[in-house]
Protein backbone atom coordinates (compact mmCIF):
# COMPACT_ATOMS: atom_id res chain seq x y z
CA MET A 1 -53.03 58.94 178.35
CA LYS A 2 -56.84 58.13 178.10
CA LEU A 3 -56.84 55.41 175.40
CA LEU A 4 -60.26 54.03 174.02
CA ARG A 5 -61.93 52.20 171.69
CA TYR A 6 -65.18 53.70 169.63
CA GLY A 7 -67.45 52.32 167.06
CA LEU A 8 -69.83 49.70 166.35
CA ALA A 9 -69.49 46.46 168.11
CA GLY A 10 -66.97 44.11 166.90
CA GLN A 11 -65.87 47.20 164.66
CA GLU A 12 -64.12 49.34 167.24
CA LYS A 13 -61.25 51.61 166.25
CA PRO A 14 -58.50 52.96 168.54
CA GLY A 15 -58.53 56.50 169.64
CA LEU A 16 -57.25 58.45 172.28
CA LEU A 17 -59.01 61.27 174.49
CA ASP A 18 -57.55 64.79 174.23
CA ASP A 19 -57.46 67.45 176.87
CA GLN A 20 -60.50 68.93 175.72
CA GLY A 21 -62.31 65.62 175.76
CA ARG A 22 -62.35 65.01 172.11
CA ILE A 23 -61.62 61.62 170.77
CA ARG A 24 -58.73 61.48 168.48
CA ASP A 25 -58.20 58.80 166.07
CA LEU A 26 -55.52 56.51 166.33
CA SER A 27 -56.12 54.01 163.51
CA GLY A 28 -52.97 55.50 161.59
CA HIS A 29 -50.50 54.24 164.37
CA VAL A 30 -51.85 51.28 166.05
CA ALA A 31 -54.30 48.47 165.11
CA ASP A 32 -55.99 48.21 168.13
CA ILE A 33 -55.53 49.27 172.05
CA SER A 34 -54.26 45.86 172.47
CA ASP A 35 -51.35 43.37 172.66
CA ASP A 36 -47.94 45.67 171.75
CA ALA A 37 -49.84 48.60 171.67
CA LEU A 38 -50.16 48.46 175.43
CA THR A 39 -46.18 47.11 176.32
CA PRO A 40 -43.91 49.85 177.74
CA GLU A 41 -42.63 50.14 174.20
CA GLY A 42 -45.95 50.68 172.71
CA LEU A 43 -47.40 53.03 175.00
CA ALA A 44 -44.04 55.09 174.45
CA ARG A 45 -44.99 55.25 170.64
CA LEU A 46 -48.04 56.88 171.58
CA ALA A 47 -46.99 59.29 174.16
CA ALA A 48 -44.45 60.72 171.45
CA LEU A 49 -47.58 61.73 169.24
CA ASP A 50 -48.71 64.89 169.06
CA PRO A 51 -52.79 64.69 169.84
CA ALA A 52 -53.64 67.90 168.75
CA ALA A 53 -52.24 65.94 164.67
CA LEU A 54 -54.47 63.44 164.95
CA PRO A 55 -57.80 63.28 163.28
CA VAL A 56 -60.74 64.45 165.40
CA VAL A 57 -63.87 61.91 165.96
CA GLU A 58 -66.74 63.65 165.14
CA GLY A 59 -70.34 62.99 166.41
CA GLU A 60 -71.01 60.66 169.55
CA PRO A 61 -69.77 57.19 168.83
CA ARG A 62 -70.52 54.41 170.80
CA ILE A 63 -67.70 53.92 173.05
CA GLY A 64 -66.56 50.23 173.44
CA PRO A 65 -64.77 48.12 175.68
CA CYS A 66 -61.36 50.10 176.08
CA VAL A 67 -59.05 46.73 175.59
CA GLY A 68 -59.22 44.50 172.33
CA ASN A 69 -58.52 40.97 172.21
CA VAL A 70 -58.32 40.02 176.28
CA ARG A 71 -56.98 36.81 176.58
CA LYS A 72 -57.59 36.81 180.19
CA PHE A 73 -60.51 38.56 182.12
CA ILE A 74 -59.03 37.64 185.91
CA ALA A 75 -60.98 38.60 189.27
CA ILE A 76 -60.13 38.94 192.87
CA GLY A 77 -62.69 38.11 195.78
CA LEU A 78 -63.71 39.46 198.87
CA ASN A 79 -60.68 41.86 198.78
CA TYR A 80 -62.07 44.51 200.72
CA ALA A 81 -62.86 43.41 204.65
CA ASP A 82 -66.09 45.40 204.66
CA HIS A 83 -67.44 43.71 201.62
CA ALA A 84 -66.30 40.03 202.91
CA ALA A 85 -67.91 40.92 206.29
CA GLU A 86 -71.40 42.09 204.49
CA SER A 87 -71.37 38.34 202.35
CA GLY A 88 -70.88 36.67 205.44
CA MET A 89 -67.62 35.45 204.77
CA PRO A 90 -63.94 35.57 206.51
CA VAL A 91 -61.00 38.10 205.14
CA PRO A 92 -58.87 35.85 203.08
CA ASP A 93 -55.11 35.26 203.74
CA GLU A 94 -54.47 35.09 200.28
CA PRO A 95 -56.37 36.53 197.33
CA VAL A 96 -59.12 34.86 196.21
CA VAL A 97 -58.78 34.31 192.20
CA PHE A 98 -61.35 33.16 189.67
CA SER A 99 -62.18 34.08 186.28
CA LYS A 100 -64.59 36.21 184.40
CA TRP A 101 -65.11 34.58 180.32
CA THR A 102 -63.79 37.24 178.14
CA SER A 103 -67.05 36.97 176.06
CA CYS A 104 -68.46 38.88 179.02
CA ILE A 105 -66.82 41.76 177.97
CA VAL A 106 -68.77 44.63 176.80
CA GLY A 107 -68.48 48.61 176.51
CA PRO A 108 -69.21 50.73 179.49
CA ASP A 109 -72.40 51.84 178.70
CA ASP A 110 -74.12 49.00 176.82
CA ASP A 111 -76.94 47.11 178.11
CA VAL A 112 -76.54 44.29 180.72
CA GLN A 113 -78.76 41.36 179.89
CA ILE A 114 -80.13 39.61 183.11
CA PRO A 115 -79.79 35.98 182.45
CA ARG A 116 -82.73 33.63 181.51
CA GLY A 117 -84.41 32.47 185.20
CA SER A 118 -81.98 34.77 187.32
CA THR A 119 -83.08 36.23 190.28
CA ARG A 120 -80.16 37.19 192.01
CA THR A 121 -78.08 39.84 189.54
CA ASP A 122 -76.21 42.18 191.37
CA TRP A 123 -73.78 44.79 190.79
CA GLU A 124 -70.06 45.48 191.87
CA VAL A 125 -67.82 48.68 190.97
CA GLU A 126 -64.17 47.71 190.98
CA LEU A 127 -60.85 49.24 189.73
CA GLY A 128 -59.28 46.75 186.92
CA ILE A 129 -55.52 46.43 186.37
CA VAL A 130 -54.82 46.50 182.86
CA ILE A 131 -51.72 44.35 181.93
CA GLY A 132 -48.77 45.85 180.00
CA ALA A 133 -45.39 44.37 180.11
CA GLY A 134 -46.68 41.12 181.48
CA GLY A 135 -44.65 38.08 182.52
CA SER A 136 -44.49 35.60 185.01
CA ASN A 137 -43.19 35.33 188.50
CA ILE A 138 -42.80 39.07 188.88
CA ALA A 139 -41.55 40.15 191.96
CA GLN A 140 -43.69 42.20 193.84
CA ASP A 141 -41.42 45.46 194.33
CA ARG A 142 -41.28 45.60 190.36
CA ALA A 143 -45.28 44.68 189.27
CA LEU A 144 -46.27 47.99 189.11
CA GLU A 145 -43.93 48.10 185.79
CA ALA A 146 -46.36 45.28 184.46
CA VAL A 147 -49.19 47.53 184.73
CA ALA A 148 -50.06 49.67 181.46
CA GLY A 149 -52.87 51.45 183.45
CA TYR A 150 -56.03 51.33 184.90
CA CYS A 151 -59.93 51.30 184.07
CA VAL A 152 -63.27 51.01 185.62
CA VAL A 153 -64.86 47.41 185.74
CA ASN A 154 -68.55 46.26 186.56
CA ASP A 155 -68.36 42.82 188.14
CA VAL A 156 -71.92 41.93 187.23
CA SER A 157 -72.63 38.69 189.36
CA GLU A 158 -75.56 36.18 189.37
CA ARG A 159 -75.21 35.22 193.15
CA ASP A 160 -77.52 32.05 192.73
CA TRP A 161 -75.03 30.85 190.07
CA GLN A 162 -71.81 31.90 192.10
CA ILE A 163 -72.83 30.76 195.38
CA SER A 164 -75.39 27.95 195.58
CA ARG A 165 -74.81 26.11 192.16
CA GLY A 166 -71.96 23.94 193.10
CA GLN A 167 -69.73 26.55 194.81
CA THR A 168 -67.59 27.64 191.52
CA TRP A 169 -67.84 31.08 191.25
CA ASP A 170 -67.01 31.59 187.87
CA LYS A 171 -70.72 30.18 187.05
CA GLY A 172 -71.99 33.83 188.10
CA LYS A 173 -69.67 36.13 186.86
CA GLY A 174 -69.14 35.57 183.11
CA PHE A 175 -72.74 35.53 181.69
CA ASP A 176 -72.80 37.37 178.57
CA THR A 177 -72.73 41.40 178.94
CA PHE A 178 -71.40 40.73 182.68
CA GLY A 179 -68.11 42.56 182.01
CA PRO A 180 -68.56 46.51 181.21
CA ILE A 181 -64.81 47.67 180.96
CA GLY A 182 -63.83 51.35 180.32
CA PRO A 183 -64.60 54.12 179.23
CA TRP A 184 -60.83 54.04 178.65
CA VAL A 185 -57.53 52.43 179.95
CA VAL A 186 -55.77 55.82 182.06
CA THR A 187 -52.06 54.99 181.54
CA ARG A 188 -50.20 54.31 185.08
CA ASP A 189 -48.22 57.66 184.87
CA GLU A 190 -51.44 59.41 185.35
CA ILE A 191 -52.66 57.44 188.63
CA ALA A 192 -50.38 58.75 190.97
CA ASP A 193 -51.40 55.70 193.73
CA PRO A 194 -54.32 53.38 192.71
CA GLY A 195 -54.52 52.63 196.18
CA ASN A 196 -56.32 55.38 197.24
CA LEU A 197 -59.09 56.31 194.34
CA ALA A 198 -62.93 56.86 195.03
CA MET A 199 -65.03 54.49 193.90
CA TRP A 200 -68.94 54.67 193.68
CA LEU A 201 -72.11 53.14 192.01
CA GLU A 202 -75.81 54.06 192.01
CA VAL A 203 -79.04 52.30 190.77
CA ASP A 204 -81.68 54.48 189.57
CA GLY A 205 -80.06 57.20 191.24
CA ARG A 206 -79.56 55.77 194.46
CA ARG A 207 -76.19 55.33 195.57
CA TYR A 208 -75.59 51.75 197.06
CA GLN A 209 -71.79 51.86 197.18
CA ASP A 210 -69.42 54.67 198.05
CA GLY A 211 -65.78 53.47 198.77
CA SER A 212 -62.18 53.64 198.13
CA THR A 213 -59.20 51.57 196.97
CA ALA A 214 -57.80 52.58 200.32
CA THR A 215 -59.44 49.74 202.03
CA MET A 216 -58.28 47.05 199.57
CA VAL A 217 -57.03 43.90 201.63
CA PHE A 218 -54.51 43.18 198.69
CA GLY A 219 -52.94 46.03 196.41
CA VAL A 220 -51.94 46.38 192.97
CA ALA A 221 -48.81 45.17 193.25
CA GLU A 222 -49.21 42.39 195.28
CA LEU A 223 -52.17 40.92 193.39
CA VAL A 224 -50.08 41.45 190.07
CA ALA A 225 -46.95 39.49 191.67
CA TYR A 226 -49.34 36.71 193.19
CA CYS A 227 -51.36 36.29 189.76
CA SER A 228 -48.18 36.16 188.01
CA GLN A 229 -47.15 33.21 189.70
CA LEU A 230 -50.48 31.43 188.77
CA MET A 231 -49.89 32.10 185.10
CA THR A 232 -48.14 34.10 182.59
CA LEU A 233 -49.43 37.52 182.25
CA MET A 234 -50.01 39.06 178.99
CA PRO A 235 -50.48 42.61 177.60
CA GLY A 236 -54.01 43.41 177.72
CA ASP A 237 -54.69 41.04 180.49
CA ILE A 238 -57.37 42.65 182.86
CA ILE A 239 -56.99 42.19 186.58
CA THR A 240 -60.46 43.62 188.35
CA THR A 241 -59.40 43.95 192.08
CA GLY A 242 -62.90 43.35 194.21
CA THR A 243 -65.50 45.73 195.27
CA PRO A 244 -66.18 47.80 198.36
CA PRO A 245 -69.47 47.06 200.64
CA GLY A 246 -72.90 48.10 199.21
CA VAL A 247 -73.93 45.27 196.77
CA GLY A 248 -77.22 44.36 196.30
CA MET A 249 -76.79 40.87 198.56
CA GLY A 250 -75.43 42.76 201.18
CA GLN A 251 -78.75 45.17 201.41
CA LYS A 252 -81.21 44.06 204.26
CA PRO A 253 -83.50 42.86 202.72
CA PRO A 254 -81.19 42.20 199.70
CA VAL A 255 -81.84 44.05 196.54
CA TYR A 256 -81.67 42.51 193.04
CA LEU A 257 -81.59 43.76 189.17
CA LYS A 258 -84.70 42.74 187.73
CA GLY A 259 -84.74 44.93 184.43
CA GLY A 260 -85.62 48.68 183.86
CA GLU A 261 -82.73 49.81 186.21
CA VAL A 262 -79.75 51.98 185.28
CA MET A 263 -76.59 51.70 186.69
CA ARG A 264 -74.06 54.58 186.94
CA LEU A 265 -70.80 53.60 188.30
CA GLY A 266 -67.13 55.43 188.22
CA VAL A 267 -63.86 55.22 189.78
CA GLU A 268 -61.91 58.38 190.69
CA GLY A 269 -59.54 59.67 187.50
CA LEU A 270 -60.83 56.63 185.40
CA GLY A 271 -64.44 58.01 184.22
CA GLN A 272 -67.95 56.65 184.33
CA GLN A 273 -69.93 54.11 182.73
CA ARG A 274 -73.48 53.85 182.38
CA GLN A 275 -75.65 50.59 181.59
CA ARG A 276 -79.49 49.76 181.47
CA VAL A 277 -80.88 46.93 182.85
CA LEU A 278 -82.66 44.44 180.52
CA PRO A 279 -85.07 41.56 181.80
CA ALA A 280 -84.19 37.96 181.34
CA LEU A 281 -85.41 36.89 178.02
């Protein structure tokens, strides 16, 4: 299934994308794509529905963040060896874990706002893991059972705050609009191998990132198991798993967003995003 949320910001309704690419309304069955709807039991109830019997959503509504009520937005750094190299940092022995504030979450095609005073705003296409069953101290060989599905994430980053302002990555990762997610959650059963998905990102039509999750240092199961040692994972939590090379910081000379650009990005099987970049206020 491809589960999504549509409508005005803050007023999104739950939906399902049918085989013809039409949005079907799920409001009569779940309150939101969040919480219990993402558990194995919740997903089984949705999978049992006949999409043809659900109301068609007419027109072209805004697509919102694909998960509602996200409690934790967990991010993994330097999880691609070639990205670590372009960042001038060693490949980590254990996952680098930091947080993106949930207030940064926006829809896949919403505008991205450069923070006031920023000179080093950057892009990062990533595979997002959406937690379903959750739990703590999850065994790695059972970790995929905790996953509801996957989504596209743009881990927008302000490099000055991330790297040069006290060595706390969270500072540069959670500005408002820095977490576009979606367009939809693709349930785990539809993705045969999350460790072998093509991914790409373009700015104004120029392709900067063109990689694959096959080059991740730590795979999906390992990341879920590892993070579950640090915290209890809950339905709707998101783990964004790192980016391949091609970020602006790694260009020679570096290239950063200034406002007026358009970013397009996608992950194989998970859809695409498009964001207009607004200049700093």
